[in-house]
Amino acid sequence: MARSLWVLIAAAGKPELLGRTLLSLAKAKKPASYRGTLVVENGPRCGIEPVVRSFAADQRFAHLYVREANKSHALNRGLQLLEFGLVFMTD
């Protein structure tokens, strides 16, 4: 098993849906290798950052904003910030 497990989410629009996704993740039992979840908001800002920041710090949810509206670009920017390990990318 990987020493580090990350969840990487590219998000554009639909902050309510992201909130439900993060709530589900917050309730899930995570393995000891879980390091955190990075949400990369891309394109026009649409309220995603406040949703991510509304969760307790112990959930280890983080937000990154990139201006370019491009999912692949957002995921690649996120990957540049995460340490080596297993990265689970959602769709």
PDB file of N, CA and C in Angstrom:
ATOM      1  N   MET A   1       0.846  -1.184   0.000  1.00  0.00           N
ATOM      2  CA  MET A   1       0.000   0.000   0.000  1.00  0.00           C
ATOM      3  C   MET A   1       0.886   1.240   0.000  1.00  0.00           C
ATOM      4  N   ALA A   2       0.433   2.287  -0.654  1.00  0.00           N
ATOM      5  CA  ALA A   2       1.183   3.532  -0.751  1.00  0.00           C
ATOM      6  C   ALA A   2       1.346   4.164   0.632  1.00  0.00           C
ATOM      7  N   ARG A   3       2.465   4.827   0.820  1.00  0.00           N
ATOM      8  CA  ARG A   3       2.703   5.524   2.087  1.00  0.00           C
ATOM      9  C   ARG A   3       1.873   6.788   2.190  1.00  0.00           C
ATOM     10  N   SER A   4       1.550   7.365   1.053  1.00  0.00           N
ATOM     11  CA  SER A   4       0.761   8.595   1.021  1.00  0.00           C
ATOM     12  C   SER A   4      -0.391   8.436   0.044  1.00  0.00           C
ATOM     13  N   LEU A   5      -1.578   8.771   0.489  1.00  0.00           N
ATOM     14  CA  LEU A   5      -2.771   8.729  -0.360  1.00  0.00           C
ATOM     15  C   LEU A   5      -3.359  10.124  -0.412  1.00  0.00           C
ATOM     16  N   TRP A   6      -3.518  10.637  -1.611  1.00  0.00           N
ATOM     17  CA  TRP A   6      -4.111  11.952  -1.843  1.00  0.00           C
ATOM     18  C   TRP A   6      -5.360  11.811  -2.700  1.00  0.00           C
ATOM     19  N   VAL A   7      -6.320  12.681  -2.479  1.00  0.00           N
ATOM     20  CA  VAL A   7      -7.484  12.798  -3.349  1.00  0.00           C
ATOM     21  C   VAL A   7      -7.348  14.148  -4.050  1.00  0.00           C
ATOM     22  N   LEU A   8      -7.488  14.138  -5.376  1.00  0.00           N
ATOM     23  CA  LEU A   8      -7.347  15.350  -6.173  1.00  0.00           C
ATOM     24  C   LEU A   8      -8.629  15.561  -6.963  1.00  0.00           C
ATOM     25  N   ILE A   9      -9.244  16.724  -6.776  1.00  0.00           N
ATOM     26  CA  ILE A   9     -10.516  17.037  -7.428  1.00  0.00           C
ATOM     27  C   ILE A   9     -10.356  18.326  -8.224  1.00  0.00           C
ATOM     28  N   ALA A  10     -10.653  18.279  -9.508  1.00  0.00           N
ATOM     29  CA  ALA A  10     -10.749  19.493 -10.321  1.00  0.00           C
ATOM     30  C   ALA A  10     -12.213  19.921 -10.297  1.00  0.00           C
ATOM     31  N   ALA A  11     -12.454  21.179  -9.956  1.00  0.00           N
ATOM     32  CA  ALA A  11     -13.829  21.646  -9.800  1.00  0.00           C
ATOM     33  C   ALA A  11     -14.045  22.955 -10.549  1.00  0.00           C
ATOM     34  N   ALA A  12     -15.150  23.027 -11.248  1.00  0.00           N
ATOM     35  CA  ALA A  12     -15.559  24.242 -11.940  1.00  0.00           C
ATOM     36  C   ALA A  12     -17.075  24.315 -11.882  1.00  0.00           C
ATOM     37  N   GLY A  13     -17.582  25.222 -11.088  1.00  0.00           N
ATOM     38  CA  GLY A  13     -19.028  25.333 -10.936  1.00  0.00           C
ATOM     39  C   GLY A  13     -19.569  24.298  -9.963  1.00  0.00           C
ATOM     40  N   LYS A  14     -20.843  24.374  -9.711  1.00  0.00           N
ATOM     41  CA  LYS A  14     -21.574  23.431  -8.867  1.00  0.00           C
ATOM     42  C   LYS A  14     -20.992  23.286  -7.461  1.00  0.00           C
ATOM     43  N   PRO A  15     -20.865  24.374  -6.710  1.00  0.00           N
ATOM     44  CA  PRO A  15     -20.318  24.267  -5.357  1.00  0.00           C
ATOM     45  C   PRO A  15     -21.165  23.394  -4.430  1.00  0.00           C
ATOM     46  N   GLU A  16     -22.478  23.337  -4.669  1.00  0.00           N
ATOM     47  CA  GLU A  16     -23.335  22.496  -3.823  1.00  0.00           C
ATOM     48  C   GLU A  16     -22.984  21.017  -3.998  1.00  0.00           C
ATOM     49  N   LEU A  17     -22.749  20.618  -5.233  1.00  0.00           N
ATOM     50  CA  LEU A  17     -22.369  19.230  -5.507  1.00  0.00           C
ATOM     51  C   LEU A  17     -21.017  18.910  -4.874  1.00  0.00           C
ATOM     52  N   LEU A  18     -20.071  19.832  -4.973  1.00  0.00           N
ATOM     53  CA  LEU A  18     -18.774  19.628  -4.332  1.00  0.00           C
ATOM     54  C   LEU A  18     -18.947  19.496  -2.824  1.00  0.00           C
ATOM     55  N   GLY A  19     -19.811  20.313  -2.251  1.00  0.00           N
ATOM     56  CA  GLY A  19     -20.063  20.233  -0.813  1.00  0.00           C
ATOM     57  C   GLY A  19     -20.561  18.860  -0.398  1.00  0.00           C
ATOM     58  N   ARG A  20     -21.458  18.292  -1.175  1.00  0.00           N
ATOM     59  CA  ARG A  20     -21.960  16.938  -0.873  1.00  0.00           C
ATOM     60  C   ARG A  20     -20.850  15.899  -1.015  1.00  0.00           C
ATOM     61  N   THR A  21     -20.018  16.080  -2.026  1.00  0.00           N
ATOM     62  CA  THR A  21     -18.902  15.151  -2.231  1.00  0.00           C
ATOM     63  C   THR A  21     -17.942  15.210  -1.055  1.00  0.00           C
ATOM     64  N   LEU A  22     -17.585  16.424  -0.636  1.00  0.00           N
ATOM     65  CA  LEU A  22     -16.654  16.568   0.487  1.00  0.00           C
ATOM     66  C   LEU A  22     -17.266  16.084   1.794  1.00  0.00           C
ATOM     67  N   LEU A  23     -18.557  16.288   1.975  1.00  0.00           N
ATOM     68  CA  LEU A  23     -19.226  15.787   3.173  1.00  0.00           C
ATOM     69  C   LEU A  23     -19.149  14.265   3.216  1.00  0.00           C
ATOM     70  N   SER A  24     -19.372  13.640   2.081  1.00  0.00           N
ATOM     71  CA  SER A  24     -19.268  12.181   2.005  1.00  0.00           C
ATOM     72  C   SER A  24     -17.848  11.730   2.329  1.00  0.00           C
ATOM     73  N   LEU A  25     -16.876  12.423   1.783  1.00  0.00           N
ATOM     74  CA  LEU A  25     -15.477  12.084   2.060  1.00  0.00           C
ATOM     75  C   LEU A  25     -15.134  12.322   3.528  1.00  0.00           C
ATOM     76  N   ALA A  26     -15.680  13.387   4.103  1.00  0.00           N
ATOM     77  CA  ALA A  26     -15.418  13.687   5.514  1.00  0.00           C
ATOM     78  C   ALA A  26     -15.952  12.576   6.421  1.00  0.00           C
ATOM     79  N   LYS A  27     -17.062  11.977   6.043  1.00  0.00           N
ATOM     80  CA  LYS A  27     -17.670  10.919   6.852  1.00  0.00           C
ATOM     81  C   LYS A  27     -17.007   9.561   6.654  1.00  0.00           C
ATOM     82  N   ALA A  28     -16.251   9.420   5.574  1.00  0.00           N
ATOM     83  CA  ALA A  28     -15.640   8.123   5.246  1.00  0.00           C
ATOM     84  C   ALA A  28     -14.470   7.810   6.172  1.00  0.00           C
ATOM     85  N   LYS A  29     -14.312   6.544   6.446  1.00  0.00           N
ATOM     86  CA  LYS A  29     -13.144   6.090   7.204  1.00  0.00           C
ATOM     87  C   LYS A  29     -11.965   6.081   6.233  1.00  0.00           C
ATOM     88  N   LYS A  30     -10.917   6.775   6.613  1.00  0.00           N
ATOM     89  CA  LYS A  30      -9.759   6.903   5.732  1.00  0.00           C
ATOM     90  C   LYS A  30      -8.599   6.078   6.266  1.00  0.00           C
ATOM     91  N   PRO A  31      -7.789   5.534   5.378  1.00  0.00           N
ATOM     92  CA  PRO A  31      -6.643   4.762   5.826  1.00  0.00           C
ATOM     93  C   PRO A  31      -5.591   5.669   6.477  1.00  0.00           C
ATOM     94  N   ALA A  32      -4.700   5.093   7.225  1.00  0.00           N
ATOM     95  CA  ALA A  32      -3.642   5.862   7.890  1.00  0.00           C
ATOM     96  C   ALA A  32      -2.775   6.611   6.886  1.00  0.00           C
ATOM     97  N   SER A  33      -2.717   6.138   5.667  1.00  0.00           N
ATOM     98  CA  SER A  33      -1.887   6.782   4.641  1.00  0.00           C
ATOM     99  C   SER A  33      -2.532   8.027   4.028  1.00  0.00           C
ATOM    100  N   TYR A  34      -3.796   8.313   4.376  1.00  0.00           N
ATOM    101  CA  TYR A  34      -4.482   9.487   3.833  1.00  0.00           C
ATOM    102  C   TYR A  34      -3.757  10.757   4.265  1.00  0.00           C
ATOM    103  N   ARG A  35      -3.388  11.583   3.288  1.00  0.00           N
ATOM    104  CA  ARG A  35      -2.681  12.830   3.575  1.00  0.00           C
ATOM    105  C   ARG A  35      -3.567  14.054   3.385  1.00  0.00           C
ATOM    106  N   GLY A  36      -4.556  13.948   2.501  1.00  0.00           N
ATOM    107  CA  GLY A  36      -5.436  15.085   2.315  1.00  0.00           C
ATOM    108  C   GLY A  36      -6.125  15.070   0.970  1.00  0.00           C
ATOM    109  N   THR A  37      -6.985  16.066   0.798  1.00  0.00           N
ATOM    110  CA  THR A  37      -7.725  16.258  -0.445  1.00  0.00           C
ATOM    111  C   THR A  37      -7.453  17.664  -0.945  1.00  0.00           C
ATOM    112  N   LEU A  38      -7.058  17.755  -2.200  1.00  0.00           N
ATOM    113  CA  LEU A  38      -6.821  19.051  -2.825  1.00  0.00           C
ATOM    114  C   LEU A  38      -7.896  19.283  -3.882  1.00  0.00           C
ATOM    115  N   VAL A  39      -8.633  20.380  -3.729  1.00  0.00           N
ATOM    116  CA  VAL A  39      -9.643  20.778  -4.700  1.00  0.00           C
ATOM    117  C   VAL A  39      -9.045  21.912  -5.519  1.00  0.00           C
ATOM    118  N   VAL A  40      -8.927  21.701  -6.823  1.00  0.00           N
ATOM    119  CA  VAL A  40      -8.385  22.717  -7.713  1.00  0.00           C
ATOM    120  C   VAL A  40      -9.546  23.342  -8.484  1.00  0.00           C
ATOM    121  N   GLU A  41      -9.892  24.553  -8.097  1.00  0.00           N
ATOM    122  CA  GLU A  41     -10.954  25.303  -8.775  1.00  0.00           C
ATOM    123  C   GLU A  41     -10.349  25.938 -10.022  1.00  0.00           C
ATOM    124  N   ASN A  42     -11.006  25.754 -11.146  1.00  0.00           N
ATOM    125  CA  ASN A  42     -10.475  26.319 -12.386  1.00  0.00           C
ATOM    126  C   ASN A  42     -11.564  27.051 -13.143  1.00  0.00           C
ATOM    127  N   GLY A  43     -11.129  28.101 -13.857  1.00  0.00           N
ATOM    128  CA  GLY A  43     -12.089  28.939 -14.563  1.00  0.00           C
ATOM    129  C   GLY A  43     -12.591  30.038 -13.640  1.00  0.00           C
ATOM    130  N   PRO A  44     -13.720  30.649 -13.976  1.00  0.00           N
ATOM    131  CA  PRO A  44     -14.254  31.725 -13.137  1.00  0.00           C
ATOM    132  C   PRO A  44     -14.567  31.220 -11.719  1.00  0.00           C
ATOM    133  N   ARG A  45     -14.225  32.012 -10.735  1.00  0.00           N
ATOM    134  CA  ARG A  45     -14.544  31.642  -9.344  1.00  0.00           C
ATOM    135  C   ARG A  45     -16.060  31.549  -9.176  1.00  0.00           C
ATOM    136  N   CYS A  46     -16.489  30.528  -8.434  1.00  0.00           N
ATOM    137  CA  CYS A  46     -17.932  30.315  -8.335  1.00  0.00           C
ATOM    138  C   CYS A  46     -18.369  29.859  -6.951  1.00  0.00           C
ATOM    139  N   GLY A  47     -17.574  30.165  -5.921  1.00  0.00           N
ATOM    140  CA  GLY A  47     -17.984  29.801  -4.566  1.00  0.00           C
ATOM    141  C   GLY A  47     -17.436  28.481  -4.073  1.00  0.00           C
ATOM    142  N   ILE A  48     -16.461  27.941  -4.745  1.00  0.00           N
ATOM    143  CA  ILE A  48     -15.904  26.655  -4.325  1.00  0.00           C
ATOM    144  C   ILE A  48     -14.999  26.801  -3.105  1.00  0.00           C
ATOM    145  N   GLU A  49     -14.208  27.870  -3.065  1.00  0.00           N
ATOM    146  CA  GLU A  49     -13.278  28.043  -1.940  1.00  0.00           C
ATOM    147  C   GLU A  49     -13.991  28.067  -0.589  1.00  0.00           C
ATOM    148  N   PRO A  50     -15.076  28.833  -0.419  1.00  0.00           N
ATOM    149  CA  PRO A  50     -15.767  28.815   0.875  1.00  0.00           C
ATOM    150  C   PRO A  50     -16.303  27.427   1.255  1.00  0.00           C
ATOM    151  N   VAL A  51     -16.708  26.662   0.274  1.00  0.00           N
ATOM    152  CA  VAL A  51     -17.190  25.301   0.550  1.00  0.00           C
ATOM    153  C   VAL A  51     -16.056  24.454   1.123  1.00  0.00           C
ATOM    154  N   VAL A  52     -14.896  24.512   0.488  1.00  0.00           N
ATOM    155  CA  VAL A  52     -13.750  23.724   0.953  1.00  0.00           C
ATOM    156  C   VAL A  52     -13.338  24.167   2.357  1.00  0.00           C
ATOM    157  N   ARG A  53     -13.302  25.467   2.563  1.00  0.00           N
ATOM    158  CA  ARG A  53     -12.846  26.015   3.851  1.00  0.00           C
ATOM    159  C   ARG A  53     -13.869  25.836   4.969  1.00  0.00           C
ATOM    160  N   SER A  54     -15.090  25.448   4.638  1.00  0.00           N
ATOM    161  CA  SER A  54     -16.120  25.268   5.660  1.00  0.00           C
ATOM    162  C   SER A  54     -15.927  23.993   6.476  1.00  0.00           C
ATOM    163  N   PHE A  55     -15.059  23.120   6.037  1.00  0.00           N
ATOM    164  CA  PHE A  55     -14.813  21.862   6.755  1.00  0.00           C
ATOM    165  C   PHE A  55     -13.698  22.047   7.779  1.00  0.00           C
ATOM    166  N   ALA A  56     -13.755  21.265   8.831  1.00  0.00           N
ATOM    167  CA  ALA A  56     -12.754  21.339   9.895  1.00  0.00           C
ATOM    168  C   ALA A  56     -11.362  21.006   9.352  1.00  0.00           C
ATOM    169  N   ALA A  57     -10.364  21.605   9.956  1.00  0.00           N
ATOM    170  CA  ALA A  57      -8.975  21.419   9.514  1.00  0.00           C
ATOM    171  C   ALA A  57      -8.538  19.961   9.572  1.00  0.00           C
ATOM    172  N   ASP A  58      -9.107  19.196  10.487  1.00  0.00           N
ATOM    173  CA  ASP A  58      -8.689  17.791  10.600  1.00  0.00           C
ATOM    174  C   ASP A  58      -9.096  16.949   9.393  1.00  0.00           C
ATOM    175  N   GLN A  59      -9.963  17.480   8.529  1.00  0.00           N
ATOM    176  CA  GLN A  59     -10.318  16.763   7.296  1.00  0.00           C
ATOM    177  C   GLN A  59      -9.213  16.871   6.252  1.00  0.00           C
ATOM    178  N   ARG A  60      -8.339  17.849   6.417  1.00  0.00           N
ATOM    179  CA  ARG A  60      -7.207  18.072   5.508  1.00  0.00           C
ATOM    180  C   ARG A  60      -7.675  18.335   4.071  1.00  0.00           C
ATOM    181  N   PHE A  61      -8.686  19.187   3.934  1.00  0.00           N
ATOM    182  CA  PHE A  61      -9.156  19.632   2.627  1.00  0.00           C
ATOM    183  C   PHE A  61      -8.456  20.954   2.310  1.00  0.00           C
ATOM    184  N   ALA A  62      -7.923  21.076   1.122  1.00  0.00           N
ATOM    185  CA  ALA A  62      -7.242  22.300   0.706  1.00  0.00           C
ATOM    186  C   ALA A  62      -7.801  22.774  -0.632  1.00  0.00           C
ATOM    187  N   HIS A  63      -7.661  24.058  -0.879  1.00  0.00           N
ATOM    188  CA  HIS A  63      -8.180  24.683  -2.099  1.00  0.00           C
ATOM    189  C   HIS A  63      -7.037  25.348  -2.849  1.00  0.00           C
ATOM    190  N   LEU A  64      -7.056  25.203  -4.165  1.00  0.00           N
ATOM    191  CA  LEU A  64      -6.128  25.894  -5.048  1.00  0.00           C
ATOM    192  C   LEU A  64      -6.940  26.469  -6.191  1.00  0.00           C
ATOM    193  N   TYR A  65      -6.658  27.702  -6.574  1.00  0.00           N
ATOM    194  CA  TYR A  65      -7.363  28.316  -7.698  1.00  0.00           C
ATOM    195  C   TYR A  65      -6.406  28.504  -8.860  1.00  0.00           C
ATOM    196  N   VAL A  66      -6.837  28.083 -10.046  1.00  0.00           N
ATOM    197  CA  VAL A  66      -6.115  28.372 -11.292  1.00  0.00           C
ATOM    198  C   VAL A  66      -7.105  29.037 -12.247  1.00  0.00           C
ATOM    199  N   ARG A  67      -6.651  30.081 -12.879  1.00  0.00           N
ATOM    200  CA  ARG A  67      -7.531  30.889 -13.730  1.00  0.00           C
ATOM    201  C   ARG A  67      -7.995  30.158 -14.981  1.00  0.00           C
ATOM    202  N   GLU A  68      -7.100  29.375 -15.584  1.00  0.00           N
ATOM    203  CA  GLU A  68      -7.429  28.699 -16.843  1.00  0.00           C
ATOM    204  C   GLU A  68      -8.532  27.669 -16.635  1.00  0.00           C
ATOM    205  N   ALA A  69      -9.576  27.760 -17.445  1.00  0.00           N
ATOM    206  CA  ALA A  69     -10.707  26.831 -17.356  1.00  0.00           C
ATOM    207  C   ALA A  69     -10.388  25.581 -18.172  1.00  0.00           C
ATOM    208  N   ASN A  70      -9.660  24.664 -17.543  1.00  0.00           N
ATOM    209  CA  ASN A  70      -9.242  23.456 -18.239  1.00  0.00           C
ATOM    210  C   ASN A  70      -8.970  22.382 -17.194  1.00  0.00           C
ATOM    211  N   LYS A  71      -9.743  21.315 -17.229  1.00  0.00           N
ATOM    212  CA  LYS A  71      -9.632  20.269 -16.219  1.00  0.00           C
ATOM    213  C   LYS A  71      -8.244  19.639 -16.190  1.00  0.00           C
ATOM    214  N   SER A  72      -7.700  19.312 -17.349  1.00  0.00           N
ATOM    215  CA  SER A  72      -6.374  18.688 -17.392  1.00  0.00           C
ATOM    216  C   SER A  72      -5.317  19.602 -16.799  1.00  0.00           C
ATOM    217  N   HIS A  73      -5.392  20.875 -17.125  1.00  0.00           N
ATOM    218  CA  HIS A  73      -4.438  21.848 -16.573  1.00  0.00           C
ATOM    219  C   HIS A  73      -4.578  21.906 -15.050  1.00  0.00           C
ATOM    220  N   ALA A  74      -5.814  21.926 -14.572  1.00  0.00           N
ATOM    221  CA  ALA A  74      -6.058  21.980 -13.128  1.00  0.00           C
ATOM    222  C   ALA A  74      -5.479  20.756 -12.426  1.00  0.00           C
ATOM    223  N   LEU A  75      -5.703  19.587 -12.980  1.00  0.00           N
ATOM    224  CA  LEU A  75      -5.168  18.367 -12.367  1.00  0.00           C
ATOM    225  C   LEU A  75      -3.641  18.359 -12.384  1.00  0.00           C
ATOM    226  N   ASN A  76      -3.058  18.803 -13.484  1.00  0.00           N
ATOM    227  CA  ASN A  76      -1.597  18.860 -13.555  1.00  0.00           C
ATOM    228  C   ASN A  76      -1.023  19.847 -12.545  1.00  0.00           C
ATOM    229  N   ARG A  77      -1.665  20.996 -12.348  1.00  0.00           N
ATOM    230  CA  ARG A  77      -1.214  21.960 -11.342  1.00  0.00           C
ATOM    231  C   ARG A  77      -1.313  21.340  -9.948  1.00  0.00           C
ATOM    232  N   GLY A  78      -2.385  20.621  -9.702  1.00  0.00           N
ATOM    233  CA  GLY A  78      -2.535  19.950  -8.411  1.00  0.00           C
ATOM    234  C   GLY A  78      -1.464  18.908  -8.183  1.00  0.00           C
ATOM    235  N   LEU A  79      -1.170  18.131  -9.194  1.00  0.00           N
ATOM    236  CA  LEU A  79      -0.139  17.098  -9.069  1.00  0.00           C
ATOM    237  C   LEU A  79       1.224  17.689  -8.748  1.00  0.00           C
ATOM    238  N   GLN A  80       1.495  18.887  -9.233  1.00  0.00           N
ATOM    239  CA  GLN A  80       2.784  19.536  -8.957  1.00  0.00           C
ATOM    240  C   GLN A  80       2.957  19.844  -7.476  1.00  0.00           C
ATOM    241  N   LEU A  81       1.868  19.963  -6.751  1.00  0.00           N
ATOM    242  CA  LEU A  81       1.930  20.335  -5.341  1.00  0.00           C
ATOM    243  C   LEU A  81       1.916  19.158  -4.386  1.00  0.00           C
ATOM    244  N   LEU A  82       1.494  18.003  -4.853  1.00  0.00           N
ATOM    245  CA  LEU A  82       1.359  16.854  -3.964  1.00  0.00           C
ATOM    246  C   LEU A  82       2.649  16.061  -3.910  1.00  0.00           C
ATOM    247  N   GLU A  83       2.930  15.540  -2.730  1.00  0.00           N
ATOM    248  CA  GLU A  83       4.120  14.707  -2.579  1.00  0.00           C
ATOM    249  C   GLU A  83       3.884  13.351  -3.245  1.00  0.00           C
ATOM    250  N   PHE A  84       4.938  12.620  -3.413  1.00  0.00           N
ATOM    251  CA  PHE A  84       4.836  11.304  -4.066  1.00  0.00           C
ATOM    252  C   PHE A  84       3.910  10.391  -3.260  1.00  0.00           C
ATOM    253  N   GLY A  85       3.216   9.553  -3.954  1.00  0.00           N
ATOM    254  CA  GLY A  85       2.312   8.599  -3.335  1.00  0.00           C
ATOM    255  C   GLY A  85       1.219   8.255  -4.318  1.00  0.00           C
ATOM    256  N   LEU A  86       0.177   7.655  -3.843  1.00  0.00           N
ATOM    257  CA  LEU A  86      -0.970   7.311  -4.656  1.00  0.00           C
ATOM    258  C   LEU A  86      -1.912   8.497  -4.704  1.00  0.00           C
ATOM    259  N   VAL A  87      -2.257   8.931  -5.917  1.00  0.00           N
ATOM    260  CA  VAL A  87      -3.175  10.066  -6.057  1.00  0.00           C
ATOM    261  C   VAL A  87      -4.437   9.545  -6.742  1.00  0.00           C
ATOM    262  N   PHE A  88      -5.563   9.721  -6.054  1.00  0.00           N
ATOM    263  CA  PHE A  88      -6.865   9.332  -6.580  1.00  0.00           C
ATOM    264  C   PHE A  88      -7.506  10.570  -7.170  1.00  0.00           C
ATOM    265  N   MET A  89      -7.715  10.577  -8.497  1.00  0.00           N
ATOM    266  CA  MET A  89      -8.341  11.723  -9.158  1.00  0.00           C
ATOM    267  C   MET A  89      -9.803  11.397  -9.420  1.00  0.00           C
ATOM    268  N   THR A  90     -10.664  12.294  -8.998  1.00  0.00           N
ATOM    269  CA  THR A  90     -12.091  12.075  -9.191  1.00  0.00           C
ATOM    270  C   THR A  90     -12.535  12.676 -10.520  1.00  0.00           C
ATOM    271  N   ASP A  91     -13.690  12.233 -10.989  1.00  0.00           N
ATOM    272  CA  ASP A  91     -14.254  12.789 -12.204  1.00  0.00           C
ATOM    273  C   ASP A  91     -15.697  13.137 -11.982  1.00  0.00           C
TER     274      ASP A  91
END
